[in-house]
C-alpha atoms as a PDB file:
ATOM      1  CA  MET A   1      21.713 206.276 144.676  1.00  0.00           C
ATOM      2  CA  ARG A   2      22.874 203.473 142.392  1.00  0.00           C
ATOM      3  CA  ILE A   3      24.706 200.935 144.489  1.00  0.00           C
ATOM      4  CA  VAL A   4      26.500 199.090 141.712  1.00  0.00           C
ATOM      5  CA  ARG A   5      26.080 200.082 138.118  1.00  0.00           C
ATOM      6  CA  GLY A   6      24.091 197.454 136.306  1.00  0.00           C
ATOM      7  CA  ARG A   7      23.161 195.676 139.598  1.00  0.00           C
ATOM      8  CA  LEU A   8      20.901 196.714 142.505  1.00  0.00           C
ATOM      9  CA  TRP A   9      22.141 196.212 146.074  1.00  0.00           C
ATOM     10  CA  PRO A  10      19.889 196.733 149.094  1.00  0.00           C
ATOM     11  CA  SER A  11      20.431 200.305 150.267  1.00  0.00           C
ATOM     12  CA  ALA A  12      20.814 199.344 153.934  1.00  0.00           C
ATOM     13  CA  VAL A  13      23.732 197.002 153.195  1.00  0.00           C
ATOM     14  CA  ALA A  14      25.319 199.566 150.896  1.00  0.00           C
ATOM     15  CA  GLY A  15      25.181 202.276 153.551  1.00  0.00           C
ATOM     16  CA  PHE A  16      26.715 199.862 156.120  1.00  0.00           C
ATOM     17  CA  VAL A  17      29.503 198.807 153.826  1.00  0.00           C
ATOM     18  CA  GLY A  18      30.180 202.426 152.789  1.00  0.00           C
ATOM     19  CA  PHE A  19      30.644 203.385 156.376  1.00  0.00           C
ATOM     20  CA  LEU A  20      33.045 200.521 157.092  1.00  0.00           C
ATOM     21  CA  LEU A  21      35.157 201.153 154.003  1.00  0.00           C
ATOM     22  CA  MET A  22      35.441 204.891 154.514  1.00  0.00           C
ATOM     23  CA  THR A  23      36.790 204.433 158.013  1.00  0.00           C
ATOM     24  CA  ALA A  24      39.746 202.311 156.885  1.00  0.00           C
ATOM     25  CA  HIS A  25      42.847 202.693 154.735  1.00  0.00           C
ATOM     26  CA  LEU A  26      41.951 200.109 152.173  1.00  0.00           C
ATOM     27  CA  ASN A  27      43.262 198.665 148.956  1.00  0.00           C
ATOM     28  CA  PRO A  28      41.028 196.418 146.799  1.00  0.00           C
ATOM     29  CA  LEU A  29      39.893 193.907 149.401  1.00  0.00           C
ATOM     30  CA  PRO A  30      41.610 190.547 149.779  1.00  0.00           C
ATOM     31  CA  GLY A  31      39.534 187.465 150.370  1.00  0.00           C
ATOM     32  CA  LEU A  32      36.520 188.591 148.380  1.00  0.00           C
ATOM     33  CA  VAL A  33      34.807 186.165 146.076  1.00  0.00           C
ATOM     34  CA  SER A  34      34.691 186.636 142.324  1.00  0.00           C
ATOM     35  CA  VAL A  35      32.468 189.402 140.959  1.00  0.00           C
ATOM     36  CA  ARG A  36      30.749 186.664 138.996  1.00  0.00           C
ATOM     37  CA  ALA A  37      29.689 184.792 142.137  1.00  0.00           C
ATOM     38  CA  PRO A  38      26.058 185.022 143.287  1.00  0.00           C
ATOM     39  CA  GLU A  39      25.168 188.411 144.723  1.00  0.00           C
ATOM     40  CA  ARG A  40      24.288 187.042 148.178  1.00  0.00           C
ATOM     41  CA  GLU A  41      27.653 185.252 148.421  1.00  0.00           C
ATOM     42  CA  ARG A  42      29.547 188.378 147.400  1.00  0.00           C
ATOM     43  CA  LEU A  43      27.675 190.532 149.931  1.00  0.00           C
ATOM     44  CA  ALA A  44      28.300 188.055 152.755  1.00  0.00           C
ATOM     45  CA  SER A  45      32.000 187.866 151.913  1.00  0.00           C
ATOM     46  CA  LEU A  46      32.318 191.632 151.750  1.00  0.00           C
ATOM     47  CA  ILE A  47      30.590 192.114 155.055  1.00  0.00           C
ATOM     48  CA  ARG A  48      32.742 189.461 156.797  1.00  0.00           C
ATOM     49  CA  VAL A  49      35.968 191.100 155.598  1.00  0.00           C
ATOM     50  CA  GLU A  50      34.836 194.588 156.567  1.00  0.00           C
ATOM     51  CA  GLN A  51      33.578 193.492 159.995  1.00  0.00           C
ATOM     52  CA  SER A  52      37.054 192.086 160.689  1.00  0.00           C
ATOM     53  CA  ARG A  53      38.785 195.253 159.478  1.00  0.00           C
ATOM     54  CA  SER A  54      36.407 197.489 161.434  1.00  0.00           C
ATOM     55  CA  SER A  55      37.050 195.507 164.587  1.00  0.00           C
ATOM     56  CA  GLU A  56      40.818 195.849 164.167  1.00  0.00           C
ATOM     57  CA  LEU A  57      40.486 199.570 163.641  1.00  0.00           C
ATOM     58  CA  ARG A  58      38.363 200.003 166.754  1.00  0.00           C
ATOM     59  CA  PHE A  59      40.963 198.238 168.851  1.00  0.00           C
ATOM     60  CA  SER A  60      43.741 200.314 167.292  1.00  0.00           C
ATOM     61  CA  ALA A  61      41.814 203.554 167.948  1.00  0.00           C
ATOM     62  CA  ASP A  62      41.190 202.501 171.559  1.00  0.00           C
ATOM     63  CA  ASP A  63      44.892 201.812 172.048  1.00  0.00           C
ATOM     64  CA  LEU A  64      45.821 205.231 170.624  1.00  0.00           C
ATOM     65  CA  ARG A  65      43.336 206.931 172.925  1.00  0.00           C
ATOM     66  CA  ARG A  66      44.808 205.128 175.907  1.00  0.00           C
ATOM     67  CA  GLN A  67      48.299 206.256 174.918  1.00  0.00           C
ATOM     68  CA  VAL A  68      47.164 209.855 174.473  1.00  0.00           C
ATOM     69  CA  ALA A  69      45.367 209.813 177.805  1.00  0.00           C
ATOM     70  CA  GLY A  70      48.559 208.507 179.487  1.00  0.00           C
ATOM     71  CA  ILE A  71      50.668 211.199 177.867  1.00  0.00           C
ATOM     72  CA  GLN A  72      48.230 213.946 178.794  1.00  0.00           C
ATOM     73  CA  LYS A  73      48.180 212.695 182.389  1.00  0.00           C
ATOM     74  CA  ALA A  74      51.973 212.655 182.572  1.00  0.00           C
ATOM     75  CA  ARG A  75      52.171 216.141 181.072  1.00  0.00           C
ATOM     76  CA  GLN A  76      49.614 217.487 183.554  1.00  0.00           C
ATOM     77  CA  ALA A  77      51.726 216.011 186.349  1.00  0.00           C
ATOM     78  CA  GLY A  78      54.641 218.213 185.293  1.00  0.00           C
ATOM     79  CA  SER A  79      56.559 215.900 182.978  1.00  0.00           C
ATOM     80  CA  ALA A  80      58.088 217.828 180.066  1.00  0.00           C
ATOM     81  CA  GLY A  81      59.186 214.762 178.104  1.00  0.00           C
ATOM     82  CA  PRO A  82      56.020 213.473 176.398  1.00  0.00           C
ATOM     83  CA  SER A  83      55.000 216.699 174.582  1.00  0.00           C
ATOM     84  CA  ALA A  84      56.516 215.537 171.235  1.00  0.00           C
ATOM     85  CA  ALA A  85      54.887 212.152 171.586  1.00  0.00           C
ATOM     86  CA  LEU A  86      51.547 213.750 172.381  1.00  0.00           C
ATOM     87  CA  THR A  87      51.791 215.909 169.239  1.00  0.00           C
ATOM     88  CA  THR A  88      52.556 212.774 167.152  1.00  0.00           C
ATOM     89  CA  MET A  89      49.573 210.936 168.621  1.00  0.00           C
ATOM     90  CA  ARG A  90      47.252 213.850 167.948  1.00  0.00           C
ATOM     91  CA  GLU A  91      48.500 214.052 164.365  1.00  0.00           C
ATOM     92  CA  ARG A  92      47.932 210.324 163.812  1.00  0.00           C
ATOM     93  CA  MET A  93      44.410 210.667 165.115  1.00  0.00           C
ATOM     94  CA  GLY A  94      43.676 213.670 162.877  1.00  0.00           C
ATOM     95  CA  LEU A  95      43.167 216.012 165.815  1.00  0.00           C
ATOM     96  CA  VAL A  96      45.375 218.732 164.360  1.00  0.00           C
ATOM     97  CA  ALA A  97      45.270 220.501 161.034  1.00  0.00           C
ATOM     98  CA  ALA A  98      47.831 219.507 158.405  1.00  0.00           C
ATOM     99  CA  ASP A  99      49.204 220.916 155.183  1.00  0.00           C
ATOM    100  CA  GLY A 100      51.518 219.902 152.356  1.00  0.00           C
ATOM    101  CA  PRO A 101      51.473 218.711 148.755  1.00  0.00           C
ATOM    102  CA  GLY A 102      48.775 216.411 147.555  1.00  0.00           C
ATOM    103  CA  LEU A 103      45.773 215.742 145.307  1.00  0.00           C
ATOM    104  CA  VAL A 104      42.365 217.311 144.950  1.00  0.00           C
ATOM    105  CA  VAL A 105      39.794 214.949 143.477  1.00  0.00           C
ATOM    106  CA  THR A 106      36.293 216.172 142.578  1.00  0.00           C
ATOM    107  CA  LEU A 107      33.308 213.935 141.838  1.00  0.00           C
ATOM    108  CA  ASP A 108      30.005 215.218 140.467  1.00  0.00           C
ATOM    109  CA  ASP A 109      26.768 214.016 138.901  1.00  0.00           C
ATOM    110  CA  SER A 110      26.477 213.770 135.157  1.00  0.00           C
ATOM    111  CA  THR A 111      25.093 216.640 133.134  1.00  0.00           C
ATOM    112  CA  GLU A 112      23.381 214.162 130.763  1.00  0.00           C
ATOM    113  CA  ARG A 113      19.610 213.673 130.925  1.00  0.00           C
ATOM    114  CA  GLU A 114      19.547 210.153 129.525  1.00  0.00           C
ATOM    115  CA  SER A 115      21.828 207.241 130.419  1.00  0.00           C
ATOM    116  CA  PRO A 116      23.346 204.948 127.802  1.00  0.00           C
ATOM    117  CA  SER A 117      22.252 202.058 130.024  1.00  0.00           C
ATOM    118  CA  GLY A 118      18.713 203.291 130.330  1.00  0.00           C
ATOM    119  CA  ASN A 119      19.140 203.539 134.084  1.00  0.00           C
ATOM    120  CA  PHE A 120      19.030 207.112 135.432  1.00  0.00           C
ATOM    121  CA  ASN A 121      20.867 205.958 138.602  1.00  0.00           C
ATOM    122  CA  ASP A 122      24.011 205.608 136.538  1.00  0.00           C
ATOM    123  CA  LEU A 123      24.131 209.385 136.084  1.00  0.00           C
ATOM    124  CA  VAL A 124      24.704 210.238 139.744  1.00  0.00           C
ATOM    125  CA  ILE A 125      27.499 209.774 142.277  1.00  0.00           C
ATOM    126  CA  HIS A 126      26.933 207.093 144.856  1.00  0.00           C
ATOM    127  CA  SER A 127      28.558 205.730 148.030  1.00  0.00           C
ATOM    128  CA  GLN A 128      30.672 203.119 146.243  1.00  0.00           C
ATOM    129  CA  ASP A 129      32.157 205.896 144.051  1.00  0.00           C
ATOM    130  CA  VAL A 130      33.141 207.887 147.148  1.00  0.00           C
ATOM    131  CA  GLN A 131      34.450 204.682 148.646  1.00  0.00           C
ATOM    132  CA  ALA A 132      36.579 203.852 145.587  1.00  0.00           C
ATOM    133  CA  VAL A 133      38.179 207.307 145.525  1.00  0.00           C
ATOM    134  CA  ALA A 134      38.857 207.393 149.252  1.00  0.00           C
ATOM    135  CA  ASN A 135      40.377 203.902 149.209  1.00  0.00           C
ATOM    136  CA  GLY A 136      42.474 204.804 146.171  1.00  0.00           C
ATOM    137  CA  LEU A 137      43.834 207.902 147.910  1.00  0.00           C
ATOM    138  CA  TRP A 138      44.769 205.979 151.062  1.00  0.00           C
ATOM    139  CA  ALA A 139      46.374 203.250 148.976  1.00  0.00           C
ATOM    140  CA  ALA A 140      48.332 205.820 147.020  1.00  0.00           C
ATOM    141  CA  GLY A 141      49.952 207.058 150.231  1.00  0.00           C
ATOM    142  CA  ALA A 142      47.640 209.787 151.546  1.00  0.00           C
ATOM    143  CA  GLU A 143      48.724 210.910 154.998  1.00  0.00           C
ATOM    144  CA  ALA A 144      45.556 212.935 155.708  1.00  0.00           C
ATOM    145  CA  LEU A 145      42.225 213.145 153.986  1.00  0.00           C
ATOM    146  CA  ALA A 146      39.197 215.466 154.043  1.00  0.00           C
ATOM    147  CA  VAL A 147      35.924 215.242 152.104  1.00  0.00           C
ATOM    148  CA  ASN A 148      34.139 218.541 151.540  1.00  0.00           C
ATOM    149  CA  GLY A 149      36.178 220.038 154.358  1.00  0.00           C
ATOM    150  CA  GLN A 150      35.418 217.260 156.827  1.00  0.00           C
ATOM    151  CA  ARG A 151      38.487 215.432 158.161  1.00  0.00           C
ATOM    152  CA  VAL A 152      38.248 211.646 157.734  1.00  0.00           C
ATOM    153  CA  VAL A 153      39.604 209.715 160.740  1.00  0.00           C
ATOM    154  CA  PRO A 154      39.123 206.034 161.868  1.00  0.00           C
ATOM    155  CA  THR A 155      36.001 206.990 163.803  1.00  0.00           C
ATOM    156  CA  SER A 156      34.422 209.116 161.046  1.00  0.00           C
ATOM    157  CA  ALA A 157      30.890 208.153 160.092  1.00  0.00           C
ATOM    158  CA  VAL A 158      30.270 208.338 156.357  1.00  0.00           C
ATOM    159  CA  LEU A 159      26.791 207.159 155.419  1.00  0.00           C
ATOM    160  CA  CYS A 160      24.825 207.164 152.175  1.00  0.00           C
ATOM    161  CA  VAL A 161      21.336 208.720 152.469  1.00  0.00           C
ATOM    162  CA  GLY A 162      19.537 209.120 149.180  1.00  0.00           C
ATOM    163  CA  ASN A 163      21.750 211.232 146.912  1.00  0.00           C
ATOM    164  CA  THR A 164      23.607 212.761 149.840  1.00  0.00           C
ATOM    165  CA  LEU A 165      26.394 211.733 152.204  1.00  0.00           C
ATOM    166  CA  LEU A 166      26.495 212.127 155.958  1.00  0.00           C
ATOM    167  CA  ILE A 167      30.090 212.853 156.946  1.00  0.00           C
ATOM    168  CA  ASN A 168      30.837 213.244 160.649  1.00  0.00           C
ATOM    169  CA  GLY A 169      27.173 214.091 161.147  1.00  0.00           C
ATOM    170  CA  THR A 170      27.106 216.787 158.449  1.00  0.00           C
ATOM    171  CA  VAL A 171      25.099 216.500 155.204  1.00  0.00           C
ATOM    172  CA  HIS A 172      26.765 216.885 151.787  1.00  0.00           C
ATOM    173  CA  SER A 173      25.535 216.760 148.199  1.00  0.00           C
ATOM    174  CA  PRO A 174      27.633 216.478 145.009  1.00  0.00           C
ATOM    175  CA  PRO A 175      30.106 217.709 144.056  1.00  0.00           C
ATOM    176  CA  PHE A 176      32.316 215.823 146.514  1.00  0.00           C
ATOM    177  CA  ARG A 177      35.782 217.321 146.897  1.00  0.00           C
ATOM    178  CA  PHE A 178      38.546 215.140 148.348  1.00  0.00           C
ATOM    179  CA  THR A 179      41.672 216.797 149.685  1.00  0.00           C
ATOM    180  CA  ALA A 180      44.481 214.323 150.260  1.00  0.00           C
ATOM    181  CA  LEU A 181      47.935 215.171 151.547  1.00  0.00           C
ATOM    182  CA  GLY A 182      50.893 213.148 150.245  1.00  0.00           C
ATOM    183  CA  ALA A 183      53.704 213.466 147.703  1.00  0.00           C
ATOM    184  CA  ASN A 184      53.725 211.871 144.272  1.00  0.00           C
ATOM    185  CA  MET A 185      50.383 210.139 144.557  1.00  0.00           C
ATOM    186  CA  HIS A 186      48.924 210.801 141.094  1.00  0.00           C
ATOM    187  CA  SER A 187      50.204 207.749 139.238  1.00  0.00           C
ATOM    188  CA  ALA A 188      49.419 205.315 142.037  1.00  0.00           C
ATOM    189  CA  PHE A 189      45.958 206.785 142.510  1.00  0.00           C
ATOM    190  CA  MET A 190      45.020 206.670 138.871  1.00  0.00           C
ATOM    191  CA  GLY A 191      46.438 203.128 138.632  1.00  0.00           C
ATOM    192  CA  ASP A 192      44.231 201.807 141.393  1.00  0.00           C
ATOM    193  CA  PRO A 193      41.823 199.176 139.957  1.00  0.00           C
ATOM    194  CA  LEU A 194      38.730 200.611 141.618  1.00  0.00           C
ATOM    195  CA  VAL A 195      39.635 204.115 140.542  1.00  0.00           C
ATOM    196  CA  LYS A 196      40.235 202.945 136.977  1.00  0.00           C
ATOM    197  CA  ARG A 197      36.805 201.268 136.993  1.00  0.00           C
ATOM    198  CA  PHE A 198      35.173 204.485 138.220  1.00  0.00           C
ATOM    199  CA  ALA A 199      37.088 206.482 135.612  1.00  0.00           C
ATOM    200  CA  ASP A 200      35.652 204.229 132.937  1.00  0.00           C
ATOM    201  CA  ASP A 201      32.144 204.785 134.348  1.00  0.00           C
ATOM    202  CA  ALA A 202      32.775 208.505 134.487  1.00  0.00           C
ATOM    203  CA  ASP A 203      33.756 208.523 130.829  1.00  0.00           C
ATOM    204  CA  ARG A 204      30.810 206.404 129.764  1.00  0.00           C
ATOM    205  CA  PHE A 205      28.125 208.256 131.779  1.00  0.00           C
ATOM    206  CA  LYS A 206      29.750 211.710 131.639  1.00  0.00           C
ATOM    207  CA  LEU A 207      30.169 211.878 135.425  1.00  0.00           C
ATOM    208  CA  GLY A 208      32.330 214.610 136.864  1.00  0.00           C
ATOM    209  CA  PHE A 209      35.791 213.292 137.709  1.00  0.00           C
ATOM    210  CA  LYS A 210      38.672 215.731 138.084  1.00  0.00           C
ATOM    211  CA  VAL A 211      42.117 215.014 139.596  1.00  0.00           C
ATOM    212  CA  GLU A 212      44.492 217.904 140.340  1.00  0.00           C
ATOM    213  CA  THR A 213      48.011 217.877 141.784  1.00  0.00           C
ATOM    214  CA  ARG A 214      48.735 220.747 144.149  1.00  0.00           C
ATOM    215  CA  ASP A 215      51.985 221.896 145.760  1.00  0.00           C
ATOM    216  CA  ARG A 216      50.263 223.136 148.890  1.00  0.00           C
ATOM    217  CA  LEU A 217      46.991 221.941 150.422  1.00  0.00           C
ATOM    218  CA  SER A 218      45.456 222.095 153.890  1.00  0.00           C
ATOM    219  CA  VAL A 219      43.088 219.775 155.711  1.00  0.00           C
ATOM    220  CA  PRO A 220      41.371 220.796 158.929  1.00  0.00           C
ATOM    221  CA  ALA A 221      41.550 219.017 162.225  1.00  0.00           C
ATOM    222  CA  TYR A 222      38.807 216.569 163.077  1.00  0.00           C
ATOM    223  CA  ALA A 223      36.206 218.517 165.046  1.00  0.00           C
ATOM    224  CA  GLY A 224      33.765 215.780 165.997  1.00  0.00           C
ATOM    225  CA  ALA A 225      33.502 213.540 169.010  1.00  0.00           C
ATOM    226  CA  SER A 226      36.462 211.172 169.248  1.00  0.00           C
ATOM    227  CA  LYS A 227      35.021 208.887 171.934  1.00  0.00           C
ATOM    228  CA  VAL A 228      33.446 205.648 170.799  1.00  0.00           C
ATOM    229  CA  ARG A 229      30.129 205.345 172.682  1.00  0.00           C
ATOM    230  CA  PHE A 230      29.099 201.903 171.411  1.00  0.00           C
ATOM    231  CA  ALA A 231      31.530 199.035 170.689  1.00  0.00           C
ATOM    232  CA  ARG A 232      31.919 195.396 171.381  1.00  0.00           C
ATOM    233  CA  ALA A 233      34.711 192.833 171.041  1.00  0.00           C
ATOM    234  CA  GLY A 234      34.860 191.213 167.585  1.00  0.00           C
END
């Protein structure tokens, strides 16, 4: 996988950063140093910001799980009141299927055999491309998101391994199909700076990049384990 077109990042750092970014609803990140700063400084800044965001998400997810557990306990004790709250909590955690209007975004490797840059890595989809699209969809107002049929939730693991992605423990190769629920997202999504940058790359290197607006889409419920087995205070 190419980590950044025209620059080579260590694959281990890229996989770590890809995981952190895909588990958050992110816009272009505040607090990052200039893209012209030394590579080591930019990497260190990116990792610091994402560690902070990841820690906040873990605490938020833990709080939601505690609330759900309390509601379930009250319901089991015969209380009829919390059922609506329980449903809301399950929806927020992605534990129920959802449907509605939204966008379908498809990414695929280039059909070209030679790259204008001379680097074959520029002709394939990589983790930062998946990251840019996912972040752009969240920033545009997505209420639920799935990648290749796998629901993305705060605890989802999305890792880059060679030219494949591990999503919730399942292996996926391009094309990558994003299903995002939300109304009137197209303009905001296409206007996102990271998405615009990827669109430019897609045009230059003939990468597959298709955005479709749909009146009715469905995303499945998250089917993986929702319990965090390893965590520590930030």
